[in-house]
N, C-alpha and C. Protein backbone atom coordinates (compact mmCIF):
# COMPACT_ATOMS: atom_id res chain seq x y z
N MET A 1 99.27 15.61 25.14
CA MET A 1 100.62 14.83 24.71
C MET A 1 101.57 14.64 25.87
N ARG A 2 102.15 13.48 26.26
CA ARG A 2 102.79 12.96 27.21
C ARG A 2 104.26 12.60 26.72
N TRP A 3 105.10 13.25 26.05
CA TRP A 3 106.00 13.12 25.56
C TRP A 3 107.38 12.15 26.21
N GLU A 4 107.22 12.62 27.46
CA GLU A 4 107.94 12.52 28.56
C GLU A 4 108.06 11.08 28.80
N ILE A 5 106.87 10.44 28.31
CA ILE A 5 106.67 9.14 28.81
C ILE A 5 107.47 8.35 27.71
N ILE A 6 107.68 8.90 26.43
CA ILE A 6 108.35 8.18 25.44
C ILE A 6 109.82 8.24 25.56
N ILE A 7 110.25 9.52 26.22
CA ILE A 7 111.73 9.83 26.42
C ILE A 7 112.20 8.70 27.26
N ASP A 8 111.49 8.64 28.63
CA ASP A 8 112.21 7.93 29.50
C ASP A 8 111.95 6.34 28.65
N ARG A 9 111.32 6.11 28.06
CA ARG A 9 111.33 4.43 27.27
C ARG A 9 112.32 4.33 26.24
N ILE A 10 112.59 5.51 25.37
CA ILE A 10 113.59 5.09 24.65
C ILE A 10 114.37 3.99 24.53
N PRO A 11 115.29 3.84 25.59
CA PRO A 11 116.27 2.76 25.51
C PRO A 11 115.51 1.57 25.13
N ILE A 12 114.17 1.19 25.94
CA ILE A 12 113.53 -0.01 25.64
C ILE A 12 113.05 -0.14 24.42
N LEU A 13 112.81 0.95 23.73
CA LEU A 13 112.31 0.76 22.22
C LEU A 13 113.41 0.32 21.50
N LEU A 14 114.54 0.97 21.87
CA LEU A 14 115.69 0.87 20.74
C LEU A 14 116.08 -0.83 21.16
N GLN A 15 116.18 -1.32 22.31
CA GLN A 15 116.32 -2.88 22.53
C GLN A 15 115.55 -3.50 21.41
N GLY A 16 114.14 -3.06 21.61
CA GLY A 16 113.06 -3.78 20.71
C GLY A 16 113.37 -3.73 19.08
N ALA A 17 113.88 -2.25 18.79
CA ALA A 17 114.53 -2.09 17.04
C ALA A 17 115.62 -3.06 17.16
N LEU A 18 116.68 -3.23 17.93
CA LEU A 18 117.61 -4.04 17.72
C LEU A 18 117.25 -5.62 17.58
N MET A 19 116.38 -6.16 18.06
CA MET A 19 115.96 -7.30 18.16
C MET A 19 115.34 -7.57 16.93
N THR A 20 114.74 -6.54 16.38
CA THR A 20 113.95 -6.32 14.80
C THR A 20 114.94 -6.54 13.85
N VAL A 21 116.03 -5.76 13.96
CA VAL A 21 117.25 -5.74 13.00
C VAL A 21 118.14 -7.27 13.07
N GLU A 22 118.33 -7.84 14.24
CA GLU A 22 118.83 -9.11 14.26
C GLU A 22 117.96 -10.24 13.51
N LEU A 23 116.49 -10.02 13.94
CA LEU A 23 115.92 -11.15 13.53
C LEU A 23 115.64 -10.92 11.71
N THR A 24 115.85 -9.72 11.08
CA THR A 24 115.79 -9.44 9.67
C THR A 24 116.98 -9.74 9.01
N VAL A 25 118.25 -9.52 9.85
CA VAL A 25 119.42 -10.14 9.01
C VAL A 25 119.72 -11.69 9.27
N LEU A 26 119.23 -11.99 10.11
CA LEU A 26 119.35 -13.76 10.26
C LEU A 26 118.32 -14.15 9.21
N ALA A 27 117.32 -13.85 9.16
CA ALA A 27 116.24 -14.36 8.19
C ALA A 27 116.52 -14.04 6.84
N VAL A 28 116.91 -12.99 6.33
CA VAL A 28 117.16 -12.69 5.22
C VAL A 28 118.54 -13.23 4.60
N GLY A 29 119.50 -13.59 5.56
CA GLY A 29 120.77 -14.07 5.41
C GLY A 29 120.28 -15.66 5.32
N ILE A 30 119.82 -16.26 6.12
CA ILE A 30 119.47 -17.69 5.77
C ILE A 30 118.57 -17.85 4.58
N GLY A 31 117.48 -17.00 4.36
CA GLY A 31 116.78 -16.87 3.27
C GLY A 31 117.68 -16.83 1.88
N THR A 32 118.64 -16.09 1.94
CA THR A 32 119.33 -16.11 0.63
C THR A 32 120.12 -17.49 0.29
N VAL A 33 120.33 -17.94 1.37
CA VAL A 33 121.18 -19.46 1.12
C VAL A 33 120.19 -20.37 0.77
N ILE A 34 119.00 -20.34 1.36
CA ILE A 34 117.87 -21.10 0.74
C ILE A 34 117.43 -20.79 -0.60
N GLY A 35 117.04 -19.53 -0.64
CA GLY A 35 117.02 -18.89 -1.93
C GLY A 35 117.80 -19.38 -3.34
N LEU A 36 118.90 -19.16 -3.19
CA LEU A 36 120.03 -19.36 -4.07
C LEU A 36 119.88 -20.65 -4.68
N PHE A 37 120.09 -21.90 -3.51
CA PHE A 37 119.65 -23.21 -4.11
C PHE A 37 118.49 -23.55 -4.75
N THR A 38 117.45 -23.03 -3.89
CA THR A 38 116.15 -23.45 -4.59
C THR A 38 115.92 -23.05 -6.09
N SER A 39 116.61 -21.72 -6.28
CA SER A 39 116.54 -21.55 -7.52
C SER A 39 117.26 -21.98 -8.64
N LEU A 40 118.49 -22.49 -8.11
CA LEU A 40 119.14 -23.65 -8.94
C LEU A 40 118.46 -24.82 -8.98
N PHE A 41 117.72 -25.31 -8.12
CA PHE A 41 116.68 -26.53 -8.46
C PHE A 41 115.59 -26.14 -9.28
N ARG A 42 115.16 -24.77 -9.07
CA ARG A 42 114.06 -24.35 -9.88
C ARG A 42 114.23 -24.36 -11.47
N ILE A 43 115.50 -24.03 -11.80
CA ILE A 43 115.85 -24.15 -13.12
C ILE A 43 116.54 -25.25 -13.72
N SER A 44 116.60 -26.31 -12.91
CA SER A 44 117.34 -27.40 -13.03
C SER A 44 116.75 -28.27 -14.20
N LYS A 45 117.52 -29.37 -15.01
CA LYS A 45 117.05 -29.80 -15.85
C LYS A 45 116.19 -31.21 -15.41
N PHE A 46 116.20 -31.64 -14.12
CA PHE A 46 115.48 -32.64 -13.59
C PHE A 46 114.14 -32.01 -13.07
N GLY A 47 113.20 -32.81 -13.52
CA GLY A 47 111.77 -32.72 -13.13
C GLY A 47 111.49 -32.78 -11.68
N LEU A 48 111.94 -33.53 -11.05
CA LEU A 48 111.67 -33.91 -9.66
C LEU A 48 112.24 -32.59 -9.05
N SER A 49 113.35 -31.99 -9.37
CA SER A 49 113.81 -30.98 -8.66
C SER A 49 112.86 -29.66 -8.62
N ARG A 50 112.80 -29.50 -10.18
CA ARG A 50 111.84 -28.39 -10.39
C ARG A 50 110.41 -28.24 -9.69
N PHE A 51 109.84 -29.49 -9.75
CA PHE A 51 108.83 -29.61 -8.71
C PHE A 51 108.85 -29.36 -7.57
N LEU A 52 109.81 -30.05 -6.74
CA LEU A 52 109.95 -29.64 -5.29
C LEU A 52 110.51 -28.05 -5.28
N ALA A 53 111.01 -27.59 -5.91
CA ALA A 53 111.38 -25.93 -5.62
C ALA A 53 110.12 -25.39 -6.01
N ALA A 54 109.42 -25.69 -7.04
CA ALA A 54 108.34 -24.86 -7.22
C ALA A 54 107.20 -24.76 -6.26
N THR A 55 107.11 -26.20 -5.62
CA THR A 55 105.97 -26.37 -4.79
C THR A 55 106.16 -25.62 -3.39
N TYR A 56 107.65 -25.80 -2.90
CA TYR A 56 108.11 -25.02 -1.76
C TYR A 56 107.91 -23.67 -2.18
N ILE A 57 108.22 -22.71 -3.19
CA ILE A 57 108.02 -21.61 -3.76
C ILE A 57 106.49 -21.10 -3.31
N ASP A 58 105.65 -21.78 -3.97
CA ASP A 58 104.33 -21.56 -4.05
C ASP A 58 103.56 -21.64 -2.82
N PHE A 59 104.13 -22.52 -2.25
CA PHE A 59 103.26 -22.82 -0.74
C PHE A 59 103.77 -21.38 0.05
N PHE A 60 105.00 -21.10 0.27
CA PHE A 60 105.54 -20.13 1.01
C PHE A 60 105.18 -18.69 0.65
N ARG A 61 105.03 -18.39 -0.80
CA ARG A 61 104.67 -17.21 -1.14
C ARG A 61 103.07 -17.03 -1.24
N GLY A 62 102.40 -18.16 -1.33
CA GLY A 62 101.02 -18.00 -1.38
C GLY A 62 100.13 -18.25 -0.13
N THR A 63 100.79 -18.50 1.19
CA THR A 63 100.28 -18.38 2.16
C THR A 63 100.57 -17.45 3.14
N PRO A 64 99.61 -16.69 4.29
CA PRO A 64 100.09 -16.02 5.04
C PRO A 64 101.35 -16.02 6.00
N LEU A 65 102.34 -15.18 6.20
CA LEU A 65 103.36 -15.42 6.89
C LEU A 65 103.13 -15.71 8.29
N LEU A 66 101.93 -15.05 8.82
CA LEU A 66 101.31 -15.48 10.18
C LEU A 66 101.04 -16.78 10.38
N ALA A 67 100.43 -17.39 9.56
CA ALA A 67 99.73 -18.93 9.36
C ALA A 67 100.99 -19.54 9.54
N GLN A 68 102.27 -19.31 8.68
CA GLN A 68 103.43 -20.16 8.82
C GLN A 68 104.21 -19.95 10.21
N ILE A 69 104.12 -18.83 10.86
CA ILE A 69 104.57 -18.85 12.12
C ILE A 69 103.79 -19.74 12.95
N TYR A 70 102.62 -19.69 13.09
CA TYR A 70 101.61 -20.77 13.84
C TYR A 70 102.26 -21.89 13.59
N LEU A 71 102.32 -22.55 12.26
CA LEU A 71 102.42 -23.70 12.24
C LEU A 71 103.63 -24.35 12.56
N ILE A 72 104.74 -23.44 12.51
CA ILE A 72 106.00 -23.80 12.72
C ILE A 72 105.96 -23.68 14.59
N TYR A 73 105.64 -22.88 15.20
CA TYR A 73 105.66 -22.81 16.54
C TYR A 73 104.49 -23.53 17.39
N PHE A 74 103.28 -23.84 16.82
CA PHE A 74 102.24 -24.45 17.25
C PHE A 74 102.01 -26.05 16.92
N GLY A 75 102.14 -25.94 15.57
CA GLY A 75 102.09 -27.27 14.77
C GLY A 75 103.16 -28.21 14.73
N LEU A 76 104.30 -27.78 14.54
CA LEU A 76 105.43 -28.92 14.64
C LEU A 76 105.47 -29.60 15.86
N PRO A 77 105.04 -29.14 17.01
CA PRO A 77 105.36 -29.76 18.15
C PRO A 77 104.11 -30.79 18.32
N GLN A 78 103.27 -30.68 17.92
CA GLN A 78 102.14 -31.63 17.67
C GLN A 78 102.66 -32.96 16.90
N LEU A 79 103.53 -32.72 15.77
CA LEU A 79 103.88 -33.90 14.97
C LEU A 79 105.37 -34.35 15.52
N VAL A 80 106.28 -33.75 15.92
CA VAL A 80 107.48 -33.99 16.35
C VAL A 80 107.54 -34.23 18.03
N GLY A 81 106.91 -33.63 18.89
CA GLY A 81 106.89 -33.87 20.11
C GLY A 81 108.03 -32.94 20.65
N TYR A 82 108.43 -31.69 19.85
CA TYR A 82 109.51 -31.25 20.20
C TYR A 82 109.05 -29.60 20.45
N VAL A 83 109.19 -29.06 21.30
CA VAL A 83 108.55 -27.47 21.42
C VAL A 83 109.82 -26.61 21.50
N PRO A 84 109.81 -25.99 20.34
CA PRO A 84 111.11 -25.00 20.09
C PRO A 84 110.74 -23.82 20.77
N ASN A 85 111.96 -23.21 21.07
CA ASN A 85 111.57 -21.91 21.90
C ASN A 85 111.43 -20.73 20.59
N PRO A 86 110.81 -19.47 21.17
CA PRO A 86 110.03 -18.59 20.31
C PRO A 86 111.27 -18.03 19.24
N TRP A 87 112.42 -17.84 19.65
CA TRP A 87 113.54 -17.26 18.74
C TRP A 87 113.70 -18.23 17.86
N ILE A 88 113.94 -19.69 18.02
CA ILE A 88 114.36 -20.28 16.64
C ILE A 88 113.09 -20.41 15.77
N SER A 89 111.74 -20.58 16.61
CA SER A 89 110.59 -20.74 15.72
C SER A 89 110.47 -19.42 14.83
N GLY A 90 110.65 -18.29 15.46
CA GLY A 90 110.51 -16.80 14.87
C GLY A 90 111.55 -16.70 13.58
N VAL A 91 112.94 -17.25 13.62
CA VAL A 91 113.77 -16.93 12.66
C VAL A 91 113.64 -18.17 11.79
N ALA A 92 113.35 -19.30 11.85
CA ALA A 92 112.95 -20.20 11.13
C ALA A 92 111.57 -19.95 10.07
N ALA A 93 110.70 -19.52 10.69
CA ALA A 93 109.52 -19.15 9.80
C ALA A 93 109.89 -17.93 9.00
N LEU A 94 110.74 -16.79 9.62
CA LEU A 94 110.90 -15.76 8.83
C LEU A 94 112.15 -16.27 7.69
N SER A 95 112.72 -16.86 7.80
CA SER A 95 114.13 -17.14 6.90
C SER A 95 113.26 -18.44 5.83
N ILE A 96 112.31 -19.20 6.20
CA ILE A 96 112.02 -20.15 5.15
C ILE A 96 110.92 -19.21 4.22
N ASN A 97 110.25 -18.31 5.02
CA ASN A 97 109.44 -17.54 4.07
C ASN A 97 110.23 -16.54 3.18
N SER A 98 111.27 -16.02 3.63
CA SER A 98 112.26 -15.06 3.14
C SER A 98 112.92 -16.01 1.76
N GLY A 99 113.17 -17.18 1.77
CA GLY A 99 113.76 -18.15 1.10
C GLY A 99 113.00 -18.03 -0.16
N ALA A 100 111.85 -18.32 -0.13
CA ALA A 100 110.71 -18.50 -1.07
C ALA A 100 110.81 -17.36 -1.98
N TYR A 101 110.73 -16.11 -1.35
CA TYR A 101 110.72 -14.97 -2.08
C TYR A 101 112.25 -14.75 -2.95
N ILE A 102 113.05 -14.82 -1.99
CA ILE A 102 114.75 -14.71 -2.69
C ILE A 102 114.76 -15.65 -3.89
N ALA A 103 114.08 -16.86 -3.70
CA ALA A 103 114.51 -17.71 -4.79
C ALA A 103 114.05 -17.21 -6.23
N GLU A 104 112.97 -16.66 -6.17
CA GLU A 104 112.44 -16.20 -7.44
C GLU A 104 113.06 -14.96 -7.68
N ILE A 105 113.62 -14.21 -6.82
CA ILE A 105 114.57 -13.11 -7.26
C ILE A 105 115.87 -13.57 -7.87
N PHE A 106 116.54 -14.86 -7.38
CA PHE A 106 117.68 -15.34 -8.20
C PHE A 106 117.28 -15.80 -9.30
N ARG A 107 116.12 -16.64 -9.59
CA ARG A 107 115.60 -17.16 -10.80
C ARG A 107 115.48 -16.18 -11.77
N ALA A 108 115.13 -15.18 -11.31
CA ALA A 108 115.06 -14.07 -12.50
C ALA A 108 116.18 -13.34 -13.15
N GLY A 109 116.94 -13.25 -11.77
CA GLY A 109 118.30 -12.82 -12.15
C GLY A 109 119.30 -13.90 -12.95
N ILE A 110 119.19 -14.85 -12.71
CA ILE A 110 120.32 -15.87 -13.35
C ILE A 110 119.68 -15.84 -14.78
N GLN A 111 118.33 -16.03 -15.05
CA GLN A 111 117.57 -16.20 -16.22
C GLN A 111 117.91 -14.66 -17.02
N SER A 112 118.08 -13.78 -16.52
CA SER A 112 118.14 -12.60 -17.50
C SER A 112 119.84 -12.54 -18.15
N ILE A 113 120.37 -13.39 -17.66
CA ILE A 113 121.97 -13.49 -18.25
C ILE A 113 121.79 -14.18 -19.40
N ASP A 114 122.56 -13.60 -20.52
CA ASP A 114 122.10 -14.11 -21.76
C ASP A 114 122.77 -15.64 -21.81
N LYS A 115 121.72 -16.44 -22.45
CA LYS A 115 122.38 -17.69 -22.60
C LYS A 115 123.79 -18.12 -23.30
N GLY A 116 124.23 -17.16 -24.01
CA GLY A 116 125.74 -17.24 -24.59
C GLY A 116 126.58 -17.50 -23.70
N GLN A 117 126.51 -16.55 -22.37
CA GLN A 117 127.29 -16.63 -21.50
C GLN A 117 127.65 -17.91 -21.08
N MET A 118 126.56 -18.88 -20.73
CA MET A 118 126.80 -20.21 -20.30
C MET A 118 127.47 -21.43 -21.35
N GLU A 119 126.89 -20.94 -22.39
CA GLU A 119 127.45 -21.43 -23.78
C GLU A 119 128.86 -21.42 -23.93
N ALA A 120 129.46 -20.07 -23.87
CA ALA A 120 130.95 -19.49 -23.97
C ALA A 120 131.58 -20.29 -23.04
N SER A 121 131.16 -20.20 -21.68
CA SER A 121 131.93 -20.85 -20.54
C SER A 121 132.28 -22.26 -20.71
N ARG A 122 131.12 -22.93 -21.00
CA ARG A 122 131.08 -24.44 -21.29
C ARG A 122 132.24 -24.83 -22.35
N SER A 123 132.06 -23.78 -23.40
CA SER A 123 133.15 -23.94 -24.45
C SER A 123 134.65 -23.79 -24.13
N LEU A 124 134.77 -23.08 -23.14
CA LEU A 124 136.09 -22.96 -22.51
C LEU A 124 136.61 -24.19 -21.54
N GLY A 125 135.75 -25.10 -21.34
CA GLY A 125 136.22 -26.27 -20.60
C GLY A 125 135.71 -26.18 -19.03
N MET A 126 134.85 -25.35 -18.71
CA MET A 126 134.23 -25.00 -17.44
C MET A 126 132.80 -26.21 -17.17
N SER A 127 133.13 -26.70 -16.04
CA SER A 127 131.65 -27.57 -16.03
C SER A 127 130.60 -26.64 -15.74
N TYR A 128 129.40 -27.00 -15.50
CA TYR A 128 128.03 -26.34 -15.40
C TYR A 128 128.12 -25.53 -13.99
N GLY A 129 128.70 -26.30 -13.05
CA GLY A 129 128.96 -25.43 -11.82
C GLY A 129 129.88 -24.25 -11.68
N GLN A 130 131.09 -24.64 -12.18
CA GLN A 130 132.03 -23.45 -12.52
C GLN A 130 131.37 -22.46 -13.29
N ALA A 131 130.89 -22.60 -14.28
CA ALA A 131 130.27 -21.46 -15.05
C ALA A 131 129.15 -20.73 -14.36
N MET A 132 128.44 -21.34 -13.44
CA MET A 132 127.63 -20.87 -12.81
C MET A 132 127.98 -20.06 -11.51
N ARG A 133 129.33 -20.61 -11.14
CA ARG A 133 129.72 -20.05 -9.89
C ARG A 133 130.58 -18.75 -10.41
N TYR A 134 131.15 -18.65 -11.46
CA TYR A 134 132.32 -17.98 -11.79
C TYR A 134 131.82 -16.91 -12.76
N VAL A 135 131.01 -17.15 -13.64
CA VAL A 135 130.42 -16.30 -14.58
C VAL A 135 128.88 -15.81 -14.57
N ILE A 136 127.92 -16.90 -14.26
CA ILE A 136 126.68 -16.46 -14.52
C ILE A 136 126.29 -15.97 -13.10
N LEU A 137 126.36 -16.21 -12.01
CA LEU A 137 125.74 -15.71 -10.53
C LEU A 137 126.64 -14.59 -10.30
N PRO A 138 127.99 -14.13 -10.42
CA PRO A 138 128.18 -12.82 -10.27
C PRO A 138 127.68 -11.74 -11.06
N GLN A 139 127.00 -11.96 -12.24
CA GLN A 139 126.38 -11.05 -13.26
C GLN A 139 125.12 -10.86 -12.65
N ALA A 140 124.26 -11.86 -12.17
CA ALA A 140 123.05 -12.06 -11.88
C ALA A 140 122.99 -11.32 -10.55
N PHE A 141 124.12 -11.51 -9.70
CA PHE A 141 123.86 -10.56 -8.25
C PHE A 141 123.70 -9.29 -8.49
N LYS A 142 124.55 -8.56 -9.25
CA LYS A 142 124.41 -7.20 -9.69
C LYS A 142 123.19 -6.62 -10.01
N ARG A 143 122.45 -7.66 -10.39
CA ARG A 143 121.11 -7.46 -11.17
C ARG A 143 120.02 -7.57 -9.95
N ILE A 144 120.36 -8.23 -8.92
CA ILE A 144 119.34 -8.37 -8.20
C ILE A 144 119.39 -7.84 -6.79
N VAL A 145 120.43 -6.99 -6.62
CA VAL A 145 120.74 -6.15 -5.54
C VAL A 145 119.45 -5.17 -5.04
N PRO A 146 118.92 -4.50 -5.87
CA PRO A 146 117.66 -3.81 -6.02
C PRO A 146 116.37 -4.66 -4.96
N PRO A 147 116.08 -5.90 -5.83
CA PRO A 147 114.82 -6.47 -5.21
C PRO A 147 115.17 -7.28 -3.82
N LEU A 148 116.67 -7.52 -3.85
CA LEU A 148 117.16 -7.94 -2.46
C LEU A 148 116.97 -7.03 -1.42
N GLY A 149 117.20 -5.84 -1.98
CA GLY A 149 117.03 -4.67 -0.95
C GLY A 149 115.66 -4.45 -0.56
N ASN A 150 114.51 -4.79 -1.36
CA ASN A 150 113.25 -4.54 -1.21
C ASN A 150 112.63 -5.59 -0.35
N GLU A 151 113.35 -6.75 -0.51
CA GLU A 151 112.97 -8.10 0.45
C GLU A 151 113.55 -7.99 1.76
N PHE A 152 114.63 -7.34 1.98
CA PHE A 152 114.87 -6.94 3.24
C PHE A 152 114.09 -6.00 3.90
N ILE A 153 113.82 -4.75 3.24
CA ILE A 153 113.05 -3.81 3.86
C ILE A 153 111.35 -4.51 4.23
N ALA A 154 111.01 -5.27 3.36
CA ALA A 154 109.93 -6.10 3.53
C ALA A 154 109.81 -6.91 4.86
N MET A 155 111.01 -7.64 4.90
CA MET A 155 111.36 -8.67 5.87
C MET A 155 111.30 -7.88 7.14
N LEU A 156 111.89 -6.52 7.22
CA LEU A 156 112.11 -5.71 8.50
C LEU A 156 110.70 -5.54 9.01
N LYS A 157 109.77 -4.99 8.13
CA LYS A 157 108.32 -4.56 8.66
C LYS A 157 107.55 -6.09 8.83
N ASP A 158 107.92 -7.19 8.15
CA ASP A 158 106.93 -8.35 8.29
C ASP A 158 107.19 -8.92 9.81
N SER A 159 108.83 -8.53 10.33
CA SER A 159 109.07 -9.53 11.28
C SER A 159 108.15 -8.84 12.53
N SER A 160 107.63 -7.97 12.48
CA SER A 160 106.60 -7.56 13.66
C SER A 160 105.60 -8.71 13.73
N LEU A 161 105.38 -9.58 12.84
CA LEU A 161 104.39 -10.78 12.98
C LEU A 161 105.07 -11.57 13.96
N VAL A 162 106.11 -11.75 14.43
CA VAL A 162 106.84 -12.76 15.42
C VAL A 162 106.45 -12.53 16.67
N SER A 163 105.74 -11.32 16.99
CA SER A 163 105.39 -10.86 18.19
C SER A 163 104.07 -11.46 18.79
N VAL A 164 103.49 -12.42 17.92
CA VAL A 164 102.59 -13.16 18.41
C VAL A 164 103.00 -14.36 18.93
N ILE A 165 104.15 -14.78 19.23
CA ILE A 165 104.92 -16.02 19.84
C ILE A 165 105.74 -15.52 20.66
N THR A 166 105.47 -13.93 21.32
CA THR A 166 106.37 -13.55 22.36
C THR A 166 107.64 -13.18 22.23
N LEU A 167 108.21 -12.88 20.81
CA LEU A 167 109.58 -12.44 20.72
C LEU A 167 109.49 -11.16 20.94
N GLN A 168 110.22 -10.42 21.66
CA GLN A 168 110.20 -9.15 22.12
C GLN A 168 110.88 -7.90 21.17
N GLU A 169 110.28 -8.06 20.00
CA GLU A 169 110.84 -7.19 18.87
C GLU A 169 110.27 -5.97 19.23
N LEU A 170 110.50 -4.80 18.19
CA LEU A 170 109.73 -3.38 18.68
C LEU A 170 108.45 -3.30 18.63
N MET A 171 107.61 -4.13 17.77
CA MET A 171 106.10 -3.91 17.85
C MET A 171 105.64 -4.56 19.15
N LEU A 172 106.24 -5.66 19.91
CA LEU A 172 105.75 -6.22 21.09
C LEU A 172 106.15 -5.18 22.03
N THR A 173 107.30 -4.70 21.91
CA THR A 173 107.84 -3.75 22.94
C THR A 173 106.92 -2.57 23.06
N GLY A 174 106.46 -2.09 21.98
CA GLY A 174 105.42 -0.73 21.95
C GLY A 174 104.22 -1.25 22.45
N ARG A 175 103.52 -2.32 22.25
CA ARG A 175 102.41 -2.74 22.81
C ARG A 175 102.66 -2.96 24.31
N THR A 176 103.68 -3.64 24.70
CA THR A 176 104.00 -3.46 26.32
C THR A 176 103.88 -2.48 26.78
N ILE A 177 104.63 -1.37 26.33
CA ILE A 177 104.34 0.01 27.04
C ILE A 177 103.34 0.76 26.82
N VAL A 178 102.60 0.37 26.11
CA VAL A 178 100.77 0.98 25.90
C VAL A 178 100.18 0.45 26.87
N GLY A 179 100.37 -1.03 27.15
CA GLY A 179 99.76 -1.66 28.21
C GLY A 179 100.00 -0.91 29.65
N SER A 180 101.19 -0.33 29.87
CA SER A 180 101.48 0.18 31.38
C SER A 180 101.30 1.45 31.38
N THR A 181 101.25 2.33 29.88
CA THR A 181 101.11 3.80 30.11
C THR A 181 99.83 4.21 29.66
N TYR A 182 98.95 3.38 28.74
CA TYR A 182 97.81 4.10 28.25
C TYR A 182 98.03 5.12 27.30
N ARG A 183 99.02 5.13 26.66
CA ARG A 183 99.32 6.39 25.55
C ARG A 183 99.53 5.73 24.22
N PRO A 184 98.71 5.28 23.62
CA PRO A 184 98.92 4.46 22.49
C PRO A 184 99.41 5.32 21.30
N PHE A 185 98.84 6.60 21.47
CA PHE A 185 99.28 7.38 20.17
C PHE A 185 101.04 7.73 20.18
N GLU A 186 101.33 8.39 21.20
CA GLU A 186 102.72 8.63 21.63
C GLU A 186 103.66 7.49 21.18
N VAL A 187 103.27 6.11 21.67
CA VAL A 187 104.07 5.25 21.58
C VAL A 187 104.24 4.64 20.14
N TYR A 188 103.16 4.47 19.47
CA TYR A 188 102.95 3.84 18.07
C TYR A 188 103.67 4.83 17.14
N ILE A 189 103.23 6.25 17.41
CA ILE A 189 103.98 6.84 16.53
C ILE A 189 105.52 6.94 16.49
N THR A 190 106.14 6.79 17.64
CA THR A 190 107.43 6.57 17.81
C THR A 190 107.79 5.29 17.15
N VAL A 191 107.16 4.21 17.67
CA VAL A 191 107.72 3.09 16.96
C VAL A 191 107.52 3.08 15.58
N ALA A 192 106.35 3.82 14.69
CA ALA A 192 106.35 4.04 13.43
C ALA A 192 107.75 4.58 12.92
N VAL A 193 108.18 5.75 13.89
CA VAL A 193 109.29 6.64 13.23
C VAL A 193 110.51 5.66 13.25
N LEU A 194 110.51 4.93 14.34
CA LEU A 194 111.99 4.12 14.28
C LEU A 194 111.75 3.18 13.29
N TYR A 195 110.64 2.37 12.64
CA TYR A 195 110.74 1.77 11.31
C TYR A 195 111.02 2.68 10.12
N LEU A 196 110.74 3.68 10.29
CA LEU A 196 110.73 4.69 8.98
C LEU A 196 112.35 4.89 9.05
N VAL A 197 113.14 5.01 10.11
CA VAL A 197 114.44 5.34 10.00
C VAL A 197 115.13 4.07 9.55
N MET A 198 114.75 2.99 10.23
CA MET A 198 115.43 1.66 9.66
C MET A 198 115.17 1.59 8.24
N THR A 199 114.09 1.43 7.63
CA THR A 199 113.81 1.28 6.28
C THR A 199 114.61 2.41 5.29
N LEU A 200 114.60 3.68 5.72
CA LEU A 200 115.15 4.58 4.97
C LEU A 200 116.72 4.23 4.89
N SER A 201 117.19 3.89 6.10
CA SER A 201 118.66 3.51 6.20
C SER A 201 119.31 2.41 5.08
N ILE A 202 118.20 1.40 4.96
CA ILE A 202 118.40 0.47 4.24
C ILE A 202 118.50 0.87 2.84
N SER A 203 117.18 1.67 2.63
CA SER A 203 117.02 2.28 1.19
C SER A 203 118.36 2.77 0.74
N ARG A 204 118.79 3.61 1.49
CA ARG A 204 120.21 4.27 1.23
C ARG A 204 121.40 3.67 1.04
N LEU A 205 121.24 2.51 1.94
CA LEU A 205 122.47 1.66 1.68
C LEU A 205 122.48 0.80 0.43
N ILE A 206 121.30 0.44 0.19
CA ILE A 206 120.86 -0.22 -1.22
C ILE A 206 121.39 0.79 -2.66
N ALA A 207 120.92 1.94 -2.43
CA ALA A 207 121.32 2.72 -3.43
C ALA A 207 123.05 3.06 -3.61
N PHE A 208 123.70 2.95 -2.46
CA PHE A 208 124.88 3.26 -2.44
C PHE A 208 125.61 1.90 -2.93
N LEU A 209 124.90 0.60 -2.59
CA LEU A 209 125.88 -0.49 -3.20
C LEU A 209 125.49 -0.50 -4.70
N GLU A 210 124.11 -0.04 -5.17
CA GLU A 210 123.87 0.00 -6.79
C GLU A 210 124.84 0.89 -7.23
N ARG A 211 125.21 2.00 -6.92
CA ARG A 211 126.04 3.09 -7.30
C ARG A 211 127.48 2.44 -7.57
N ARG A 212 127.97 1.43 -6.47
CA ARG A 212 129.18 1.17 -6.57
C ARG A 212 129.49 -0.09 -7.55
N LEU A 213 128.24 -0.82 -7.62
CA LEU A 213 127.97 -1.74 -8.57
C LEU A 213 128.47 -1.37 -10.11
N ARG A 214 127.58 -0.02 -10.33
CA ARG A 214 127.71 0.49 -11.43
C ARG A 214 128.99 1.04 -11.89
N THR A 215 129.42 1.48 -11.01
CA THR A 215 130.74 2.28 -10.67
C THR A 215 132.04 1.07 -11.44
N GLY A 216 132.01 0.26 -10.83
CA GLY A 216 132.69 -0.81 -10.87
C GLY A 216 132.36 -1.51 -12.30
N ASP A 217 131.34 -1.55 -12.73
CA ASP A 217 131.32 -1.92 -14.18
C ASP A 217 131.80 -1.10 -15.55
N LEU A 218 132.02 0.16 -15.10
CA LEU A 218 132.54 1.13 -15.73
C LEU A 218 134.25 0.75 -15.82
N HIS A 219 134.55 0.25 -14.99
CA HIS A 219 136.18 0.25 -14.81
C HIS A 219 136.66 -1.12 -15.60
């Protein structure tokens, strides 16, 4: 074992880990916005809205993320004549994919709220939008924190796939170091440990948020 190789390259690996976190935060952040609106379309009374939302969710949940990355980075230029840079393509692919999963998380959370809550809000003179914003969504959000945390962790690991379009996140950084040192075990075990540290940190943060939300309900 030659761990001095890893020690010398820890700063480079940490830069890759930072890129991984940035990609994940952006993807889940944008995906949350996409997912929220898609979930509202999914439960809408309008058939076309439900159909479009369901089609989007089914497509991006039913096809591999790697294929979606290739489609956006290599396929779109063929159609529109514009070659996006790897960063934009990677964030777009991860966000759209995450949005499909988060849409189902939101839908399940919203539909778990008793229908009487909406009826009571409407009887008080609220519009549908006001009732959803001030009554339904705040309650639903408390229930979807755990699955949202799971989505964040899953996206953190899945973000390694954007290495195929040369984004220098943690996995590609590790492969680059292996190519120059020929020490795959030391490098990849370090990469795995960094992923483990990140996922455990997120798990602890989600557990903390759950406790705070439960405590808030008691007051």
